[in-house]
Amino acid sequence: MSVNVIAVEGRIGHVERYQDKVYTEVLIPEEDAYAAPGCVKIESDQELGSVGQVITVDCKPRGYVRTFRLTQGHKAGQNGREVRTWFVPVGR
């Protein structure tokens, strides 16, 4: 496997199309039977499968960091930070 490539394996929970892209939410099982599953979003040019199907896809991470100034609440005036991450299939 190449640098910065990960294998995402899980069950497709939701698929949506926006413009020319397909966004697939993949539910990743947790080791603990009582924990909620993790979820990642994969952006692709074509459908990776149907809802309920278990898939394995090699992906590269993509994303950005957004900082902003909080204006309300007890932390007003402090900086907030949001990290957005999604994955893009490799070799498809």
PDB file of N, CA and C in Angstrom:
ATOM      1  N   MET A   1       0.845  -1.177   0.000  1.00  0.00           N
ATOM      2  CA  MET A   1       0.000   0.000   0.000  1.00  0.00           C
ATOM      3  C   MET A   1       0.893   1.244   0.000  1.00  0.00           C
ATOM      4  N   SER A   2       0.475   2.296  -0.654  1.00  0.00           N
ATOM      5  CA  SER A   2       1.239   3.544  -0.752  1.00  0.00           C
ATOM      6  C   SER A   2       1.124   4.379   0.516  1.00  0.00           C
ATOM      7  N   VAL A   3       1.924   5.428   0.550  1.00  0.00           N
ATOM      8  CA  VAL A   3       1.889   6.366   1.678  1.00  0.00           C
ATOM      9  C   VAL A   3       0.546   7.108   1.689  1.00  0.00           C
ATOM     10  N   ASN A   4      -0.002   7.307   2.868  1.00  0.00           N
ATOM     11  CA  ASN A   4      -1.271   8.011   3.070  1.00  0.00           C
ATOM     12  C   ASN A   4      -2.456   7.335   2.387  1.00  0.00           C
ATOM     13  N   VAL A   5      -2.399   6.028   2.239  1.00  0.00           N
ATOM     14  CA  VAL A   5      -3.527   5.260   1.720  1.00  0.00           C
ATOM     15  C   VAL A   5      -3.999   4.334   2.830  1.00  0.00           C
ATOM     16  N   ILE A   6      -5.314   4.334   3.070  1.00  0.00           N
ATOM     17  CA  ILE A   6      -5.876   3.468   4.104  1.00  0.00           C
ATOM     18  C   ILE A   6      -6.955   2.590   3.483  1.00  0.00           C
ATOM     19  N   ALA A   7      -7.192   1.451   4.079  1.00  0.00           N
ATOM     20  CA  ALA A   7      -8.276   0.573   3.654  1.00  0.00           C
ATOM     21  C   ALA A   7      -9.470   0.835   4.565  1.00  0.00           C
ATOM     22  N   VAL A   8     -10.576   1.252   3.977  1.00  0.00           N
ATOM     23  CA  VAL A   8     -11.814   1.480   4.721  1.00  0.00           C
ATOM     24  C   VAL A   8     -12.711   0.283   4.479  1.00  0.00           C
ATOM     25  N   GLU A   9     -13.119  -0.380   5.572  1.00  0.00           N
ATOM     26  CA  GLU A   9     -14.010  -1.524   5.469  1.00  0.00           C
ATOM     27  C   GLU A   9     -15.198  -1.299   6.375  1.00  0.00           C
ATOM     28  N   GLY A  10     -16.385  -1.477   5.839  1.00  0.00           N
ATOM     29  CA  GLY A  10     -17.590  -1.293   6.639  1.00  0.00           C
ATOM     30  C   GLY A  10     -18.836  -1.459   5.795  1.00  0.00           C
ATOM     31  N   ARG A  11     -19.965  -1.129   6.407  1.00  0.00           N
ATOM     32  CA  ARG A  11     -21.275  -1.279   5.756  1.00  0.00           C
ATOM     33  C   ARG A  11     -21.761   0.084   5.289  1.00  0.00           C
ATOM     34  N   ILE A  12     -22.254   0.143   4.071  1.00  0.00           N
ATOM     35  CA  ILE A  12     -22.782   1.402   3.529  1.00  0.00           C
ATOM     36  C   ILE A  12     -24.068   1.756   4.265  1.00  0.00           C
ATOM     37  N   GLY A  13     -24.074   2.946   4.847  1.00  0.00           N
ATOM     38  CA  GLY A  13     -25.246   3.395   5.595  1.00  0.00           C
ATOM     39  C   GLY A  13     -26.117   4.372   4.821  1.00  0.00           C
ATOM     40  N   HIS A  14     -25.492   5.152   3.930  1.00  0.00           N
ATOM     41  CA  HIS A  14     -26.238   6.178   3.187  1.00  0.00           C
ATOM     42  C   HIS A  14     -25.442   6.552   1.945  1.00  0.00           C
ATOM     43  N   VAL A  15     -26.136   6.807   0.850  1.00  0.00           N
ATOM     44  CA  VAL A  15     -25.512   7.242  -0.398  1.00  0.00           C
ATOM     45  C   VAL A  15     -26.272   8.453  -0.903  1.00  0.00           C
ATOM     46  N   GLU A  16     -25.546   9.503  -1.304  1.00  0.00           N
ATOM     47  CA  GLU A  16     -26.204  10.654  -1.907  1.00  0.00           C
ATOM     48  C   GLU A  16     -25.356  11.188  -3.062  1.00  0.00           C
ATOM     49  N   ARG A  17     -26.020  11.780  -4.028  1.00  0.00           N
ATOM     50  CA  ARG A  17     -25.347  12.386  -5.176  1.00  0.00           C
ATOM     51  C   ARG A  17     -25.452  13.900  -5.060  1.00  0.00           C
ATOM     52  N   TYR A  18     -24.366  14.575  -5.428  1.00  0.00           N
ATOM     53  CA  TYR A  18     -24.378  16.029  -5.483  1.00  0.00           C
ATOM     54  C   TYR A  18     -23.492  16.433  -6.644  1.00  0.00           C
ATOM     55  N   GLN A  19     -24.080  17.120  -7.609  1.00  0.00           N
ATOM     56  CA  GLN A  19     -23.416  17.488  -8.855  1.00  0.00           C
ATOM     57  C   GLN A  19     -22.862  16.222  -9.511  1.00  0.00           C
ATOM     58  N   ASP A  20     -21.572  16.137  -9.774  1.00  0.00           N
ATOM     59  CA  ASP A  20     -21.013  14.965 -10.460  1.00  0.00           C
ATOM     60  C   ASP A  20     -20.384  13.965  -9.503  1.00  0.00           C
ATOM     61  N   LYS A  21     -20.599  14.092  -8.204  1.00  0.00           N
ATOM     62  CA  LYS A  21     -19.948  13.231  -7.218  1.00  0.00           C
ATOM     63  C   LYS A  21     -20.968  12.383  -6.471  1.00  0.00           C
ATOM     64  N   VAL A  22     -20.477  11.248  -5.971  1.00  0.00           N
ATOM     65  CA  VAL A  22     -21.286  10.360  -5.121  1.00  0.00           C
ATOM     66  C   VAL A  22     -20.642  10.357  -3.742  1.00  0.00           C
ATOM     67  N   TYR A  23     -21.428  10.603  -2.692  1.00  0.00           N
ATOM     68  CA  TYR A  23     -20.936  10.623  -1.314  1.00  0.00           C
ATOM     69  C   TYR A  23     -21.519   9.420  -0.585  1.00  0.00           C
ATOM     70  N   THR A  24     -20.638   8.540  -0.131  1.00  0.00           N
ATOM     71  CA  THR A  24     -21.046   7.301   0.516  1.00  0.00           C
ATOM     72  C   THR A  24     -20.623   7.323   1.969  1.00  0.00           C
ATOM     73  N   GLU A  25     -21.584   7.192   2.886  1.00  0.00           N
ATOM     74  CA  GLU A  25     -21.269   7.088   4.312  1.00  0.00           C
ATOM     75  C   GLU A  25     -21.075   5.615   4.644  1.00  0.00           C
ATOM     76  N   VAL A  26     -19.906   5.294   5.195  1.00  0.00           N
ATOM     77  CA  VAL A  26     -19.577   3.919   5.535  1.00  0.00           C
ATOM     78  C   VAL A  26     -19.499   3.791   7.055  1.00  0.00           C
ATOM     79  N   LEU A  27     -20.292   2.883   7.621  1.00  0.00           N
ATOM     80  CA  LEU A  27     -20.294   2.627   9.060  1.00  0.00           C
ATOM     81  C   LEU A  27     -19.207   1.608   9.367  1.00  0.00           C
ATOM     82  N   ILE A  28     -18.307   1.982  10.262  1.00  0.00           N
ATOM     83  CA  ILE A  28     -17.170   1.137  10.614  1.00  0.00           C
ATOM     84  C   ILE A  28     -17.448   0.490  11.958  1.00  0.00           C
ATOM     85  N   PRO A  29     -17.409  -0.835  12.053  1.00  0.00           N
ATOM     86  CA  PRO A  29     -17.722  -1.501  13.320  1.00  0.00           C
ATOM     87  C   PRO A  29     -16.685  -1.203  14.401  1.00  0.00           C
ATOM     88  N   GLU A  30     -17.148  -1.098  15.622  1.00  0.00           N
ATOM     89  CA  GLU A  30     -16.271  -0.899  16.786  1.00  0.00           C
ATOM     90  C   GLU A  30     -15.956  -2.251  17.411  1.00  0.00           C
ATOM     91  N   GLU A  31     -14.855  -2.327  18.124  1.00  0.00           N
ATOM     92  CA  GLU A  31     -14.489  -3.572  18.807  1.00  0.00           C
ATOM     93  C   GLU A  31     -15.440  -3.879  19.952  1.00  0.00           C
ATOM     94  N   ASP A  32     -15.924  -2.854  20.612  1.00  0.00           N
ATOM     95  CA  ASP A  32     -16.831  -3.003  21.741  1.00  0.00           C
ATOM     96  C   ASP A  32     -18.264  -3.131  21.207  1.00  0.00           C
ATOM     97  N   ALA A  33     -18.951  -4.174  21.570  1.00  0.00           N
ATOM     98  CA  ALA A  33     -20.309  -4.417  21.081  1.00  0.00           C
ATOM     99  C   ALA A  33     -21.302  -3.345  21.516  1.00  0.00           C
ATOM    100  N   TYR A  34     -20.970  -2.559  22.560  1.00  0.00           N
ATOM    101  CA  TYR A  34     -21.888  -1.553  23.087  1.00  0.00           C
ATOM    102  C   TYR A  34     -21.574  -0.151  22.578  1.00  0.00           C
ATOM    103  N   ALA A  35     -20.500   0.026  21.823  1.00  0.00           N
ATOM    104  CA  ALA A  35     -20.120   1.337  21.301  1.00  0.00           C
ATOM    105  C   ALA A  35     -20.820   1.591  19.970  1.00  0.00           C
ATOM    106  N   ALA A  36     -21.062   2.852  19.700  1.00  0.00           N
ATOM    107  CA  ALA A  36     -21.651   3.226  18.413  1.00  0.00           C
ATOM    108  C   ALA A  36     -20.596   3.071  17.317  1.00  0.00           C
ATOM    109  N   PRO A  37     -21.020   2.686  16.117  1.00  0.00           N
ATOM    110  CA  PRO A  37     -20.043   2.513  15.039  1.00  0.00           C
ATOM    111  C   PRO A  37     -19.475   3.858  14.593  1.00  0.00           C
ATOM    112  N   GLY A  38     -18.238   3.822  14.098  1.00  0.00           N
ATOM    113  CA  GLY A  38     -17.662   5.014  13.497  1.00  0.00           C
ATOM    114  C   GLY A  38     -18.272   5.208  12.120  1.00  0.00           C
ATOM    115  N   CYS A  39     -18.095   6.388  11.555  1.00  0.00           N
ATOM    116  CA  CYS A  39     -18.659   6.669  10.246  1.00  0.00           C
ATOM    117  C   CYS A  39     -17.689   7.551   9.474  1.00  0.00           C
ATOM    118  N   VAL A  40     -17.416   7.191   8.232  1.00  0.00           N
ATOM    119  CA  VAL A  40     -16.595   8.028   7.355  1.00  0.00           C
ATOM    120  C   VAL A  40     -17.369   8.283   6.073  1.00  0.00           C
ATOM    121  N   LYS A  41     -17.027   9.388   5.417  1.00  0.00           N
ATOM    122  CA  LYS A  41     -17.657   9.726   4.146  1.00  0.00           C
ATOM    123  C   LYS A  41     -16.619   9.574   3.043  1.00  0.00           C
ATOM    124  N   ILE A  42     -16.995   8.870   1.981  1.00  0.00           N
ATOM    125  CA  ILE A  42     -16.114   8.662   0.834  1.00  0.00           C
ATOM    126  C   ILE A  42     -16.722   9.365  -0.372  1.00  0.00           C
ATOM    127  N   GLU A  43     -15.923  10.245  -0.993  1.00  0.00           N
ATOM    128  CA  GLU A  43     -16.351  10.967  -2.193  1.00  0.00           C
ATOM    129  C   GLU A  43     -15.797  10.237  -3.417  1.00  0.00           C
ATOM    130  N   SER A  44     -16.659   9.908  -4.370  1.00  0.00           N
ATOM    131  CA  SER A  44     -16.203   9.176  -5.548  1.00  0.00           C
ATOM    132  C   SER A  44     -16.957   9.633  -6.793  1.00  0.00           C
ATOM    133  N   ASP A  45     -16.475   9.199  -7.949  1.00  0.00           N
ATOM    134  CA  ASP A  45     -17.131   9.527  -9.215  1.00  0.00           C
ATOM    135  C   ASP A  45     -18.272   8.567  -9.527  1.00  0.00           C
ATOM    136  N   GLN A  46     -18.240   7.377  -8.926  1.00  0.00           N
ATOM    137  CA  GLN A  46     -19.279   6.378  -9.176  1.00  0.00           C
ATOM    138  C   GLN A  46     -19.717   5.743  -7.857  1.00  0.00           C
ATOM    139  N   GLU A  47     -20.858   5.060  -7.878  1.00  0.00           N
ATOM    140  CA  GLU A  47     -21.349   4.403  -6.667  1.00  0.00           C
ATOM    141  C   GLU A  47     -20.411   3.275  -6.259  1.00  0.00           C
ATOM    142  N   LEU A  48     -20.182   3.145  -4.952  1.00  0.00           N
ATOM    143  CA  LEU A  48     -19.323   2.096  -4.420  1.00  0.00           C
ATOM    144  C   LEU A  48     -20.111   0.850  -4.059  1.00  0.00           C
ATOM    145  N   GLY A  49     -21.430   0.968  -4.011  1.00  0.00           N
ATOM    146  CA  GLY A  49     -22.299  -0.146  -3.657  1.00  0.00           C
ATOM    147  C   GLY A  49     -23.649   0.388  -3.232  1.00  0.00           C
ATOM    148  N   SER A  50     -24.495  -0.495  -2.722  1.00  0.00           N
ATOM    149  CA  SER A  50     -25.830  -0.099  -2.278  1.00  0.00           C
ATOM    150  C   SER A  50     -25.902  -0.119  -0.755  1.00  0.00           C
ATOM    151  N   VAL A  51     -26.895   0.561  -0.220  1.00  0.00           N
ATOM    152  CA  VAL A  51     -27.084   0.646   1.229  1.00  0.00           C
ATOM    153  C   VAL A  51     -27.199  -0.763   1.806  1.00  0.00           C
ATOM    154  N   GLY A  52     -26.443  -1.020   2.875  1.00  0.00           N
ATOM    155  CA  GLY A  52     -26.452  -2.313   3.536  1.00  0.00           C
ATOM    156  C   GLY A  52     -25.328  -3.231   3.087  1.00  0.00           C
ATOM    157  N   GLN A  53     -24.714  -2.926   1.973  1.00  0.00           N
ATOM    158  CA  GLN A  53     -23.627  -3.752   1.440  1.00  0.00           C
ATOM    159  C   GLN A  53     -22.334  -3.479   2.205  1.00  0.00           C
ATOM    160  N   VAL A  54     -21.551  -4.536   2.470  1.00  0.00           N
ATOM    161  CA  VAL A  54     -20.246  -4.400   3.123  1.00  0.00           C
ATOM    162  C   VAL A  54     -19.193  -4.232   2.030  1.00  0.00           C
ATOM    163  N   ILE A  55     -18.355  -3.187   2.162  1.00  0.00           N
ATOM    164  CA  ILE A  55     -17.343  -2.896   1.151  1.00  0.00           C
ATOM    165  C   ILE A  55     -15.974  -2.705   1.795  1.00  0.00           C
ATOM    166  N   THR A  56     -14.940  -2.863   1.002  1.00  0.00           N
ATOM    167  CA  THR A  56     -13.569  -2.518   1.375  1.00  0.00           C
ATOM    168  C   THR A  56     -13.009  -1.680   0.242  1.00  0.00           C
ATOM    169  N   VAL A  57     -12.552  -0.467   0.565  1.00  0.00           N
ATOM    170  CA  VAL A  57     -12.064   0.468  -0.441  1.00  0.00           C
ATOM    171  C   VAL A  57     -10.749   1.077   0.039  1.00  0.00           C
ATOM    172  N   ASP A  58      -9.716   1.059  -0.817  1.00  0.00           N
ATOM    173  CA  ASP A  58      -8.479   1.783  -0.527  1.00  0.00           C
ATOM    174  C   ASP A  58      -8.717   3.255  -0.819  1.00  0.00           C
ATOM    175  N   CYS A  59      -8.385   4.125   0.158  1.00  0.00           N
ATOM    176  CA  CYS A  59      -8.692   5.551   0.040  1.00  0.00           C
ATOM    177  C   CYS A  59      -7.515   6.414   0.468  1.00  0.00           C
ATOM    178  N   LYS A  60      -7.536   7.657  -0.006  1.00  0.00           N
ATOM    179  CA  LYS A  60      -6.620   8.695   0.469  1.00  0.00           C
ATOM    180  C   LYS A  60      -7.450   9.709   1.238  1.00  0.00           C
ATOM    181  N   PRO A  61      -6.949  10.167   2.393  1.00  0.00           N
ATOM    182  CA  PRO A  61      -7.687  11.179   3.147  1.00  0.00           C
ATOM    183  C   PRO A  61      -7.577  12.548   2.500  1.00  0.00           C
ATOM    184  N   ARG A  62      -8.631  13.330   2.600  1.00  0.00           N
ATOM    185  CA  ARG A  62      -8.672  14.717   2.149  1.00  0.00           C
ATOM    186  C   ARG A  62      -9.335  15.514   3.262  1.00  0.00           C
ATOM    187  N   GLY A  63      -9.122  16.802   3.275  1.00  0.00           N
ATOM    188  CA  GLY A  63      -9.799  17.614   4.268  1.00  0.00           C
ATOM    189  C   GLY A  63      -9.184  18.979   4.443  1.00  0.00           C
ATOM    190  N   TYR A  64      -9.688  19.713   5.429  1.00  0.00           N
ATOM    191  CA  TYR A  64      -9.188  21.044   5.729  1.00  0.00           C
ATOM    192  C   TYR A  64      -9.495  21.388   7.181  1.00  0.00           C
ATOM    193  N   VAL A  65      -8.851  22.438   7.663  1.00  0.00           N
ATOM    194  CA  VAL A  65      -9.100  22.952   9.011  1.00  0.00           C
ATOM    195  C   VAL A  65      -9.668  24.354   8.863  1.00  0.00           C
ATOM    196  N   ARG A  66     -10.717  24.641   9.597  1.00  0.00           N
ATOM    197  CA  ARG A  66     -11.345  25.963   9.579  1.00  0.00           C
ATOM    198  C   ARG A  66     -11.313  26.519  10.992  1.00  0.00           C
ATOM    199  N   THR A  67     -10.793  27.732  11.141  1.00  0.00           N
ATOM    200  CA  THR A  67     -10.822  28.392  12.451  1.00  0.00           C
ATOM    201  C   THR A  67     -11.807  29.561  12.381  1.00  0.00           C
ATOM    202  N   PHE A  68     -12.411  29.855  13.511  1.00  0.00           N
ATOM    203  CA  PHE A  68     -13.403  30.926  13.555  1.00  0.00           C
ATOM    204  C   PHE A  68     -13.448  31.510  14.957  1.00  0.00           C
ATOM    205  N   ARG A  69     -14.009  32.683  15.091  1.00  0.00           N
ATOM    206  CA  ARG A  69     -14.142  33.367  16.366  1.00  0.00           C
ATOM    207  C   ARG A  69     -15.518  33.079  16.940  1.00  0.00           C
ATOM    208  N   LEU A  70     -15.579  32.568  18.168  1.00  0.00           N
ATOM    209  CA  LEU A  70     -16.858  32.289  18.829  1.00  0.00           C
ATOM    210  C   LEU A  70     -17.495  33.604  19.257  1.00  0.00           C
ATOM    211  N   THR A  71     -18.794  33.740  19.013  1.00  0.00           N
ATOM    212  CA  THR A  71     -19.468  35.002  19.319  1.00  0.00           C
ATOM    213  C   THR A  71     -20.551  34.863  20.384  1.00  0.00           C
ATOM    214  N   GLN A  72     -20.924  33.646  20.727  1.00  0.00           N
ATOM    215  CA  GLN A  72     -21.999  33.443  21.705  1.00  0.00           C
ATOM    216  C   GLN A  72     -21.569  32.463  22.783  1.00  0.00           C
ATOM    217  N   GLY A  73     -22.259  32.493  23.879  1.00  0.00           N
ATOM    218  CA  GLY A  73     -22.008  31.531  24.947  1.00  0.00           C
ATOM    219  C   GLY A  73     -20.883  31.959  25.870  1.00  0.00           C
ATOM    220  N   HIS A  74     -20.536  31.080  26.813  1.00  0.00           N
ATOM    221  CA  HIS A  74     -19.538  31.409  27.823  1.00  0.00           C
ATOM    222  C   HIS A  74     -18.119  31.427  27.261  1.00  0.00           C
ATOM    223  N   LYS A  75     -17.915  30.964  26.027  1.00  0.00           N
ATOM    224  CA  LYS A  75     -16.586  30.995  25.411  1.00  0.00           C
ATOM    225  C   LYS A  75     -16.476  32.068  24.335  1.00  0.00           C
ATOM    226  N   ALA A  76     -17.396  33.043  24.346  1.00  0.00           N
ATOM    227  CA  ALA A  76     -17.374  34.111  23.341  1.00  0.00           C
ATOM    228  C   ALA A  76     -16.020  34.824  23.373  1.00  0.00           C
ATOM    229  N   GLY A  77     -15.520  35.132  22.202  1.00  0.00           N
ATOM    230  CA  GLY A  77     -14.236  35.800  22.085  1.00  0.00           C
ATOM    231  C   GLY A  77     -13.073  34.847  21.896  1.00  0.00           C
ATOM    232  N   GLN A  78     -13.291  33.569  22.141  1.00  0.00           N
ATOM    233  CA  GLN A  78     -12.229  32.590  21.943  1.00  0.00           C
ATOM    234  C   GLN A  78     -12.289  32.048  20.517  1.00  0.00           C
ATOM    235  N   ASN A  79     -11.229  31.403  20.115  1.00  0.00           N
ATOM    236  CA  ASN A  79     -11.186  30.808  18.784  1.00  0.00           C
ATOM    237  C   ASN A  79     -11.776  29.409  18.804  1.00  0.00           C
ATOM    238  N   GLY A  80     -12.554  29.093  17.792  1.00  0.00           N
ATOM    239  CA  GLY A  80     -13.075  27.746  17.596  1.00  0.00           C
ATOM    240  C   GLY A  80     -12.308  27.094  16.460  1.00  0.00           C
ATOM    241  N   ARG A  81     -12.388  25.800  16.385  1.00  0.00           N
ATOM    242  CA  ARG A  81     -11.650  25.065  15.360  1.00  0.00           C
ATOM    243  C   ARG A  81     -12.493  23.885  14.910  1.00  0.00           C
ATOM    244  N   GLU A  82     -12.571  23.709  13.613  1.00  0.00           N
ATOM    245  CA  GLU A  82     -13.322  22.604  13.040  1.00  0.00           C
ATOM    246  C   GLU A  82     -12.428  21.885  12.028  1.00  0.00           C
ATOM    247  N   VAL A  83     -12.376  20.568  12.108  1.00  0.00           N
ATOM    248  CA  VAL A  83     -11.603  19.774  11.165  1.00  0.00           C
ATOM    249  C   VAL A  83     -12.580  18.950  10.342  1.00  0.00           C
ATOM    250  N   ARG A  84     -12.520  19.105   9.031  1.00  0.00           N
ATOM    251  CA  ARG A  84     -13.366  18.326   8.129  1.00  0.00           C
ATOM    252  C   ARG A  84     -12.491  17.329   7.393  1.00  0.00           C
ATOM    253  N   THR A  85     -12.871  16.069   7.414  1.00  0.00           N
ATOM    254  CA  THR A  85     -12.095  15.021   6.747  1.00  0.00           C
ATOM    255  C   THR A  85     -13.033  14.124   5.956  1.00  0.00           C
ATOM    256  N   TRP A  86     -12.619  13.757   4.773  1.00  0.00           N
ATOM    257  CA  TRP A  86     -13.328  12.770   3.976  1.00  0.00           C
ATOM    258  C   TRP A  86     -12.291  11.964   3.214  1.00  0.00           C
ATOM    259  N   PHE A  87     -12.714  10.955   2.507  1.00  0.00           N
ATOM    260  CA  PHE A  87     -11.789  10.042   1.828  1.00  0.00           C
ATOM    261  C   PHE A  87     -12.142   9.936   0.347  1.00  0.00           C
ATOM    262  N   VAL A  88     -11.110   9.697  -0.458  1.00  0.00           N
ATOM    263  CA  VAL A  88     -11.275   9.560  -1.909  1.00  0.00           C
ATOM    264  C   VAL A  88     -10.692   8.214  -2.319  1.00  0.00           C
ATOM    265  N   PRO A  89     -11.454   7.385  -3.061  1.00  0.00           N
ATOM    266  CA  PRO A  89     -10.933   6.066  -3.467  1.00  0.00           C
ATOM    267  C   PRO A  89      -9.670   6.183  -4.327  1.00  0.00           C
ATOM    268  N   VAL A  90      -8.812   5.201  -4.202  1.00  0.00           N
ATOM    269  CA  VAL A  90      -7.571   5.145  -4.966  1.00  0.00           C
ATOM    270  C   VAL A  90      -7.708   4.047  -6.021  1.00  0.00           C
ATOM    271  N   GLY A  91      -7.273   4.325  -7.218  1.00  0.00           N
ATOM    272  CA  GLY A  91      -7.232   3.304  -8.253  1.00  0.00           C
ATOM    273  C   GLY A  91      -8.566   2.881  -8.821  1.00  0.00           C
ATOM    274  N   ARG A  92      -9.548   3.763  -8.775  1.00  0.00           N
ATOM    275  CA  ARG A  92     -10.859   3.440  -9.374  1.00  0.00           C
ATOM    276  C   ARG A  92     -11.113   4.346 -10.548  1.00  0.00           C
TER     277      ARG A  92
END
